[in-house]
Amino acid sequence: VESLLEENRGVVQRMTDLGKRNPVTEVLSLLAAVALAIIAFVFGAVLLAVVVGLIALGALAFSLRLWWLRRKLGQPIGQAGAEQPRVIEAEYTVVERQQRRRNFSGD
């Protein structure tokens, strides 16, 4: 039991010694922590810019593909879902007229 108490005193002594550090070491540690925080912030900002840029490029590629397909199908971009009448205007001449009789009696 005494050896356990002796070990605990050693741990407590080491913990109290941490508060009595050299002020130069404390200042250097603080400067290193601030520098690491700035580096982490800049790295995060660059990573965020890359991700946002990739999303923007993907959206642009998707929009261009959608525009290309709509143009290829002949639909105006603003009326993609609206149905358009399919009317072909032309002049024609009847060359030969045939009369058809249908027998609806089932014979």
N, C-alpha and C. Protein backbone atom coordinates (compact mmCIF):
# COMPACT_ATOMS: atom_id res chain seq x y z
N VAL A 1 0.84 -1.19 0.00
CA VAL A 1 0.00 0.00 0.00
C VAL A 1 0.88 1.25 0.00
N GLU A 2 1.97 1.20 0.73
CA GLU A 2 2.83 2.39 0.78
C GLU A 2 3.49 2.67 -0.56
N SER A 3 3.79 1.62 -1.31
CA SER A 3 4.40 1.84 -2.63
C SER A 3 3.39 2.52 -3.57
N LEU A 4 2.12 2.16 -3.40
CA LEU A 4 1.08 2.79 -4.21
C LEU A 4 0.94 4.26 -3.86
N LEU A 5 0.99 4.56 -2.58
CA LEU A 5 0.92 5.97 -2.15
C LEU A 5 2.13 6.75 -2.64
N GLU A 6 3.29 6.09 -2.62
CA GLU A 6 4.51 6.75 -3.08
C GLU A 6 4.42 7.06 -4.58
N GLU A 7 3.86 6.12 -5.37
CA GLU A 7 3.68 6.35 -6.80
C GLU A 7 2.73 7.52 -7.05
N ASN A 8 1.66 7.58 -6.28
CA ASN A 8 0.69 8.66 -6.44
C ASN A 8 1.31 10.01 -6.08
N ARG A 9 2.16 10.03 -5.07
CA ARG A 9 2.83 11.30 -4.73
C ARG A 9 3.72 11.76 -5.88
N GLY A 10 4.38 10.80 -6.52
CA GLY A 10 5.24 11.14 -7.65
C GLY A 10 4.42 11.71 -8.82
N VAL A 11 3.24 11.14 -9.07
CA VAL A 11 2.38 11.64 -10.15
C VAL A 11 1.88 13.03 -9.81
N VAL A 12 1.47 13.23 -8.56
CA VAL A 12 0.99 14.54 -8.13
C VAL A 12 2.11 15.57 -8.22
N GLN A 13 3.32 15.17 -7.85
CA GLN A 13 4.45 16.09 -7.90
C GLN A 13 4.74 16.50 -9.35
N ARG A 14 4.70 15.53 -10.26
CA ARG A 14 4.94 15.86 -11.67
C ARG A 14 3.86 16.79 -12.22
N MET A 15 2.61 16.61 -11.79
CA MET A 15 1.52 17.47 -12.26
C MET A 15 1.68 18.88 -11.74
N THR A 16 2.14 19.04 -10.53
CA THR A 16 2.34 20.39 -10.01
C THR A 16 3.57 21.05 -10.63
N ASP A 17 4.53 20.25 -11.07
CA ASP A 17 5.71 20.82 -11.73
C ASP A 17 5.37 21.38 -13.11
N LEU A 18 4.28 20.90 -13.72
CA LEU A 18 3.91 21.41 -15.04
C LEU A 18 3.55 22.88 -14.98
N GLY A 19 3.01 23.34 -13.89
CA GLY A 19 2.64 24.74 -13.77
C GLY A 19 3.83 25.65 -13.58
N LYS A 20 4.98 25.12 -13.25
CA LYS A 20 6.19 25.92 -12.99
C LYS A 20 7.17 25.80 -14.15
N ARG A 21 6.69 26.07 -15.33
CA ARG A 21 7.56 25.94 -16.50
C ARG A 21 8.28 27.25 -16.78
N ASN A 22 9.25 27.16 -17.63
CA ASN A 22 10.03 28.30 -18.04
C ASN A 22 9.15 29.23 -18.88
N PRO A 23 9.14 30.55 -18.61
CA PRO A 23 8.30 31.47 -19.38
C PRO A 23 8.67 31.52 -20.87
N VAL A 24 9.93 31.33 -21.19
CA VAL A 24 10.36 31.34 -22.60
C VAL A 24 9.72 30.15 -23.32
N THR A 25 9.71 29.01 -22.64
CA THR A 25 9.09 27.82 -23.22
C THR A 25 7.59 28.04 -23.41
N GLU A 26 6.97 28.71 -22.45
CA GLU A 26 5.53 28.98 -22.57
C GLU A 26 5.24 29.90 -23.75
N VAL A 27 6.06 30.93 -23.94
CA VAL A 27 5.87 31.86 -25.05
C VAL A 27 6.09 31.14 -26.39
N LEU A 28 7.14 30.34 -26.46
CA LEU A 28 7.41 29.59 -27.69
C LEU A 28 6.28 28.60 -27.99
N SER A 29 5.75 27.97 -26.95
CA SER A 29 4.64 27.04 -27.15
C SER A 29 3.40 27.78 -27.66
N LEU A 30 3.16 28.96 -27.11
CA LEU A 30 2.01 29.76 -27.54
C LEU A 30 2.19 30.19 -29.00
N LEU A 31 3.38 30.63 -29.36
CA LEU A 31 3.64 31.02 -30.75
C LEU A 31 3.48 29.83 -31.71
N ALA A 32 3.95 28.67 -31.30
CA ALA A 32 3.80 27.48 -32.14
C ALA A 32 2.32 27.12 -32.29
N ALA A 33 1.55 27.23 -31.22
CA ALA A 33 0.12 26.92 -31.29
C ALA A 33 -0.61 27.91 -32.20
N VAL A 34 -0.25 29.19 -32.12
CA VAL A 34 -0.87 30.20 -32.99
C VAL A 34 -0.50 29.94 -34.45
N ALA A 35 0.76 29.61 -34.69
CA ALA A 35 1.21 29.34 -36.07
C ALA A 35 0.48 28.11 -36.63
N LEU A 36 0.33 27.07 -35.83
CA LEU A 36 -0.39 25.88 -36.29
C LEU A 36 -1.86 26.19 -36.54
N ALA A 37 -2.45 27.03 -35.71
CA ALA A 37 -3.85 27.41 -35.91
C ALA A 37 -4.01 28.19 -37.21
N ILE A 38 -3.09 29.09 -37.51
CA ILE A 38 -3.15 29.87 -38.76
C ILE A 38 -2.97 28.95 -39.96
N ILE A 39 -2.01 28.04 -39.87
CA ILE A 39 -1.79 27.09 -40.98
C ILE A 39 -3.03 26.22 -41.19
N ALA A 40 -3.64 25.76 -40.10
CA ALA A 40 -4.84 24.93 -40.22
C ALA A 40 -5.99 25.73 -40.84
N PHE A 41 -6.12 26.99 -40.47
CA PHE A 41 -7.18 27.83 -41.03
C PHE A 41 -6.98 28.05 -42.53
N VAL A 42 -5.74 28.36 -42.93
CA VAL A 42 -5.46 28.58 -44.35
C VAL A 42 -5.67 27.30 -45.14
N PHE A 43 -5.22 26.16 -44.59
CA PHE A 43 -5.42 24.89 -45.27
C PHE A 43 -6.91 24.58 -45.42
N GLY A 44 -7.68 24.84 -44.38
CA GLY A 44 -9.13 24.63 -44.46
C GLY A 44 -9.79 25.54 -45.48
N ALA A 45 -9.35 26.80 -45.55
CA ALA A 45 -9.92 27.73 -46.53
C ALA A 45 -9.59 27.29 -47.96
N VAL A 46 -8.37 26.84 -48.18
CA VAL A 46 -7.98 26.37 -49.51
C VAL A 46 -8.78 25.11 -49.87
N LEU A 47 -8.92 24.20 -48.93
CA LEU A 47 -9.69 22.99 -49.18
C LEU A 47 -11.15 23.32 -49.48
N LEU A 48 -11.72 24.25 -48.75
CA LEU A 48 -13.10 24.68 -49.00
C LEU A 48 -13.23 25.31 -50.39
N ALA A 49 -12.27 26.12 -50.77
CA ALA A 49 -12.31 26.75 -52.10
C ALA A 49 -12.22 25.69 -53.20
N VAL A 50 -11.41 24.68 -53.01
CA VAL A 50 -11.29 23.61 -54.01
C VAL A 50 -12.61 22.85 -54.13
N VAL A 51 -13.22 22.52 -52.99
CA VAL A 51 -14.49 21.79 -53.02
C VAL A 51 -15.59 22.62 -53.67
N VAL A 52 -15.69 23.89 -53.32
CA VAL A 52 -16.70 24.77 -53.92
C VAL A 52 -16.44 24.92 -55.42
N GLY A 53 -15.17 25.03 -55.81
CA GLY A 53 -14.83 25.13 -57.23
C GLY A 53 -15.23 23.87 -57.99
N LEU A 54 -14.98 22.71 -57.41
CA LEU A 54 -15.37 21.46 -58.07
C LEU A 54 -16.88 21.34 -58.20
N ILE A 55 -17.60 21.76 -57.17
CA ILE A 55 -19.06 21.74 -57.25
C ILE A 55 -19.54 22.70 -58.34
N ALA A 56 -18.94 23.88 -58.42
CA ALA A 56 -19.32 24.84 -59.46
C ALA A 56 -19.02 24.30 -60.86
N LEU A 57 -17.87 23.65 -61.02
CA LEU A 57 -17.55 23.06 -62.33
C LEU A 57 -18.51 21.94 -62.68
N GLY A 58 -18.90 21.14 -61.70
CA GLY A 58 -19.87 20.08 -61.95
C GLY A 58 -21.21 20.64 -62.35
N ALA A 59 -21.65 21.70 -61.67
CA ALA A 59 -22.93 22.33 -62.01
C ALA A 59 -22.87 22.94 -63.41
N LEU A 60 -21.75 23.55 -63.75
CA LEU A 60 -21.59 24.12 -65.08
C LEU A 60 -21.61 23.03 -66.15
N ALA A 61 -20.92 21.93 -65.91
CA ALA A 61 -20.91 20.82 -66.88
C ALA A 61 -22.31 20.24 -67.04
N PHE A 62 -23.02 20.09 -65.93
CA PHE A 62 -24.39 19.57 -65.99
C PHE A 62 -25.30 20.52 -66.76
N SER A 63 -25.16 21.82 -66.52
CA SER A 63 -25.98 22.81 -67.23
C SER A 63 -25.67 22.81 -68.73
N LEU A 64 -24.40 22.73 -69.07
CA LEU A 64 -24.03 22.70 -70.49
C LEU A 64 -24.55 21.43 -71.17
N ARG A 65 -24.49 20.31 -70.49
CA ARG A 65 -25.00 19.07 -71.06
C ARG A 65 -26.52 19.15 -71.25
N LEU A 66 -27.21 19.70 -70.26
CA LEU A 66 -28.65 19.86 -70.36
C LEU A 66 -29.00 20.81 -71.51
N TRP A 67 -28.26 21.91 -71.64
CA TRP A 67 -28.50 22.85 -72.73
C TRP A 67 -28.27 22.16 -74.08
N TRP A 68 -27.20 21.37 -74.17
CA TRP A 68 -26.88 20.70 -75.41
C TRP A 68 -27.99 19.72 -75.81
N LEU A 69 -28.48 18.95 -74.86
CA LEU A 69 -29.54 17.99 -75.17
C LEU A 69 -30.84 18.69 -75.56
N ARG A 70 -31.18 19.77 -74.87
CA ARG A 70 -32.40 20.51 -75.23
C ARG A 70 -32.27 21.13 -76.61
N ARG A 71 -31.11 21.64 -76.92
CA ARG A 71 -30.89 22.23 -78.23
C ARG A 71 -30.96 21.16 -79.32
N LYS A 72 -30.42 20.00 -79.00
CA LYS A 72 -30.42 18.91 -79.96
C LYS A 72 -31.85 18.41 -80.23
N LEU A 73 -32.68 18.41 -79.20
CA LEU A 73 -34.07 17.98 -79.36
C LEU A 73 -34.96 19.08 -79.92
N GLY A 74 -34.47 20.30 -79.97
CA GLY A 74 -35.23 21.40 -80.55
C GLY A 74 -36.19 22.07 -79.59
N GLN A 75 -36.03 21.85 -78.32
CA GLN A 75 -36.90 22.50 -77.34
C GLN A 75 -36.23 23.77 -76.84
N PRO A 76 -36.99 24.85 -76.76
CA PRO A 76 -36.43 26.04 -76.14
C PRO A 76 -36.13 25.78 -74.67
N ILE A 77 -35.12 26.44 -74.15
CA ILE A 77 -34.70 26.18 -72.78
C ILE A 77 -35.77 26.55 -71.78
N GLY A 78 -36.49 27.63 -72.00
CA GLY A 78 -37.51 28.05 -71.05
C GLY A 78 -38.74 27.19 -71.05
N GLN A 79 -38.97 26.40 -72.09
CA GLN A 79 -40.19 25.61 -72.21
C GLN A 79 -39.87 24.13 -72.27
N ALA A 80 -39.03 23.66 -71.37
CA ALA A 80 -38.61 22.26 -71.42
C ALA A 80 -39.76 21.32 -71.13
N GLY A 81 -40.63 21.67 -70.18
CA GLY A 81 -41.71 20.76 -69.81
C GLY A 81 -42.99 21.03 -70.57
N ALA A 82 -43.13 22.17 -71.22
CA ALA A 82 -44.38 22.52 -71.89
C ALA A 82 -44.48 21.78 -73.22
N GLU A 83 -45.69 21.34 -73.51
CA GLU A 83 -45.89 20.66 -74.79
C GLU A 83 -46.12 21.70 -75.87
N GLN A 84 -45.50 21.48 -77.00
CA GLN A 84 -45.64 22.39 -78.11
C GLN A 84 -46.44 21.71 -79.20
N PRO A 85 -47.31 22.44 -79.85
CA PRO A 85 -48.08 21.82 -80.94
C PRO A 85 -47.15 21.47 -82.09
N ARG A 86 -47.45 20.33 -82.70
CA ARG A 86 -46.63 19.89 -83.83
C ARG A 86 -47.45 20.08 -85.10
N VAL A 87 -47.28 21.22 -85.70
CA VAL A 87 -48.01 21.58 -86.91
C VAL A 87 -47.01 21.82 -88.02
N ILE A 88 -47.24 21.19 -89.15
CA ILE A 88 -46.39 21.40 -90.31
C ILE A 88 -47.25 22.06 -91.38
N GLU A 89 -46.88 23.26 -91.75
CA GLU A 89 -47.62 23.95 -92.80
C GLU A 89 -47.01 23.61 -94.15
N ALA A 90 -47.89 23.24 -95.12
CA ALA A 90 -47.41 22.91 -96.46
C ALA A 90 -48.57 22.97 -97.44
N GLU A 91 -48.24 23.10 -98.69
CA GLU A 91 -49.25 23.04 -99.74
C GLU A 91 -49.18 21.67 -100.37
N TYR A 92 -50.33 21.17 -100.78
CA TYR A 92 -50.34 19.86 -101.41
C TYR A 92 -51.38 19.81 -102.51
N THR A 93 -51.20 18.85 -103.39
CA THR A 93 -52.12 18.60 -104.50
C THR A 93 -52.55 17.15 -104.45
N VAL A 94 -53.87 16.89 -104.57
CA VAL A 94 -54.36 15.52 -104.56
C VAL A 94 -54.13 14.95 -105.95
N VAL A 95 -53.38 13.86 -106.04
CA VAL A 95 -53.06 13.26 -107.32
C VAL A 95 -54.14 12.25 -107.70
N GLU A 96 -54.57 11.47 -106.82
CA GLU A 96 -55.55 10.44 -107.10
C GLU A 96 -56.41 10.26 -105.87
N ARG A 97 -57.69 10.22 -106.07
CA ARG A 97 -58.59 10.09 -104.94
C ARG A 97 -59.18 8.68 -104.96
N GLN A 98 -59.11 8.04 -103.82
CA GLN A 98 -59.69 6.71 -103.70
C GLN A 98 -60.80 6.77 -102.65
N GLN A 99 -61.87 6.06 -102.98
CA GLN A 99 -62.94 5.97 -102.00
C GLN A 99 -62.88 4.60 -101.37
N ARG A 100 -62.98 4.59 -100.11
CA ARG A 100 -62.98 3.34 -99.39
C ARG A 100 -64.34 3.12 -98.77
N ARG A 101 -64.79 1.95 -98.89
CA ARG A 101 -66.03 1.58 -98.22
C ARG A 101 -65.70 0.61 -97.12
N ARG A 102 -66.24 0.90 -96.01
CA ARG A 102 -66.05 0.00 -94.89
C ARG A 102 -67.34 -0.71 -94.59
N ASN A 103 -67.21 -1.94 -94.38
CA ASN A 103 -68.36 -2.73 -94.02
C ASN A 103 -68.35 -2.93 -92.52
N PHE A 104 -69.25 -2.24 -91.86
CA PHE A 104 -69.29 -2.30 -90.40
C PHE A 104 -70.23 -3.39 -89.89
N SER A 105 -70.81 -4.11 -90.76
CA SER A 105 -71.73 -5.14 -90.31
C SER A 105 -71.02 -6.39 -89.86
N GLY A 106 -69.77 -6.51 -90.10
CA GLY A 106 -69.00 -7.66 -89.65
C GLY A 106 -68.95 -8.78 -90.64
N ASP A 107 -69.40 -8.61 -91.88
CA ASP A 107 -69.38 -9.67 -92.89
C ASP A 107 -68.00 -9.95 -93.39
